[in-house]
Protein backbone atom coordinates (compact mmCIF):
# COMPACT_ATOMS: atom_id res chain seq x y z
CA MET A 1 -176.13 13.45 246.09
CA SER A 2 -172.54 14.12 247.16
CA ASP A 3 -169.55 11.83 246.53
CA ALA A 4 -169.43 11.06 250.25
CA GLN A 5 -172.96 9.70 250.10
CA HIS A 6 -172.08 7.50 247.12
CA ASP A 7 -169.39 5.60 249.00
CA GLY A 8 -171.50 5.08 252.12
CA TYR A 9 -169.48 7.47 254.27
CA ASP A 10 -171.24 10.67 255.15
CA GLY A 11 -168.57 12.01 257.49
CA GLU A 12 -170.77 11.48 260.51
CA GLY A 13 -171.11 8.46 262.73
CA PHE A 14 -167.97 6.76 261.43
CA GLY A 15 -166.76 4.35 264.10
CA GLU A 16 -169.36 5.29 266.68
CA ALA A 17 -170.75 1.75 266.79
CA LYS A 18 -167.27 0.22 267.10
CA TYR A 19 -164.89 -0.43 269.97
CA TRP A 20 -161.55 1.27 270.36
CA PHE A 21 -158.53 0.85 272.62
CA ASN A 22 -157.32 4.05 274.20
CA SER A 23 -153.52 3.80 274.28
CA ARG A 24 -153.21 6.65 276.78
CA THR A 25 -155.62 5.29 279.39
CA GLY A 26 -155.37 1.57 278.58
CA GLN A 27 -159.17 1.36 278.48
CA VAL A 28 -161.61 0.01 275.90
CA GLU A 29 -164.08 2.60 274.65
CA HIS A 30 -167.33 2.21 272.75
CA GLY A 31 -167.61 4.92 270.14
CA LEU A 32 -165.46 7.93 269.41
CA LEU A 33 -164.87 9.13 272.96
CA SER A 34 -161.22 10.14 272.92
CA SER A 35 -158.80 11.91 270.63
CA SER A 36 -157.91 10.04 267.46
CA ILE A 37 -154.22 10.12 268.41
CA ASP A 38 -155.00 7.94 271.43
CA ARG A 39 -157.38 5.49 269.71
CA ILE A 40 -156.45 2.11 268.23
CA GLY A 41 -159.09 0.41 266.14
CA PRO A 42 -161.86 0.11 265.25
CA PHE A 43 -162.78 -3.34 266.53
CA ASP A 44 -166.09 -5.18 266.34
CA THR A 45 -166.04 -6.34 269.96
CA ALA A 46 -164.77 -5.05 273.28
CA GLU A 47 -162.76 -8.24 273.66
CA ASP A 48 -160.93 -7.61 270.38
CA ALA A 49 -160.24 -4.02 271.40
CA ALA A 50 -158.83 -5.18 274.74
CA ARG A 51 -156.31 -7.32 272.85
CA ALA A 52 -155.04 -4.33 270.83
CA PRO A 53 -151.69 -3.96 272.65
CA GLU A 54 -150.98 -7.68 272.22
CA VAL A 55 -151.95 -7.59 268.54
CA LEU A 56 -149.77 -4.53 267.93
CA LYS A 57 -146.82 -6.23 269.62
CA GLU A 58 -147.31 -9.39 267.52
CA ARG A 59 -147.59 -7.40 264.29
CA SER A 60 -144.55 -5.27 265.12
CA LYS A 61 -142.51 -8.40 265.74
CA ALA A 62 -143.67 -9.94 262.45
CA TRP A 63 -142.86 -6.74 260.54
CA ALA A 64 -139.40 -6.56 262.13
CA GLU A 65 -138.75 -10.18 261.17
CA GLU A 66 -139.90 -9.49 257.59
CA ASP A 67 -137.64 -6.43 257.39
CA ALA A 68 -134.69 -8.44 258.71
CA ALA A 69 -135.34 -11.20 256.17
CA GLU A 70 -135.46 -8.63 253.37
CA ASP A 71 -132.19 -7.12 254.62
CA ARG A 72 -130.56 -10.56 254.51
CA TRP A 73 -131.88 -11.39 251.03
CA GLY A 74 -129.00 -12.03 248.67
CA ASP A 75 -126.32 -11.87 251.37
CA SER A 76 -124.86 -15.29 250.51
CA ASP A 77 -123.83 -14.28 246.99
CA GLY A 78 -123.88 -10.51 247.32
CA ALA A 79 -126.65 -10.16 244.74
CA ARG A 80 -129.65 -7.92 245.24
């Protein structure tokens, strides 16, 4: 038995039963239909996949706010 079989991933069928958002076409896809560079996911439902652009925007905003907060840390006394 190979190492891939031990961890439950056999290299085949990964993500085929999931939903993906295609960032190039703006469409939800079921399974691995498009190039990996265009796919966002995987998601358990088509509805979740359809929200991918909104989720990415929310997460990007949160990450930018976290980065800005880290940049400001210690500014009042100059310590870092």
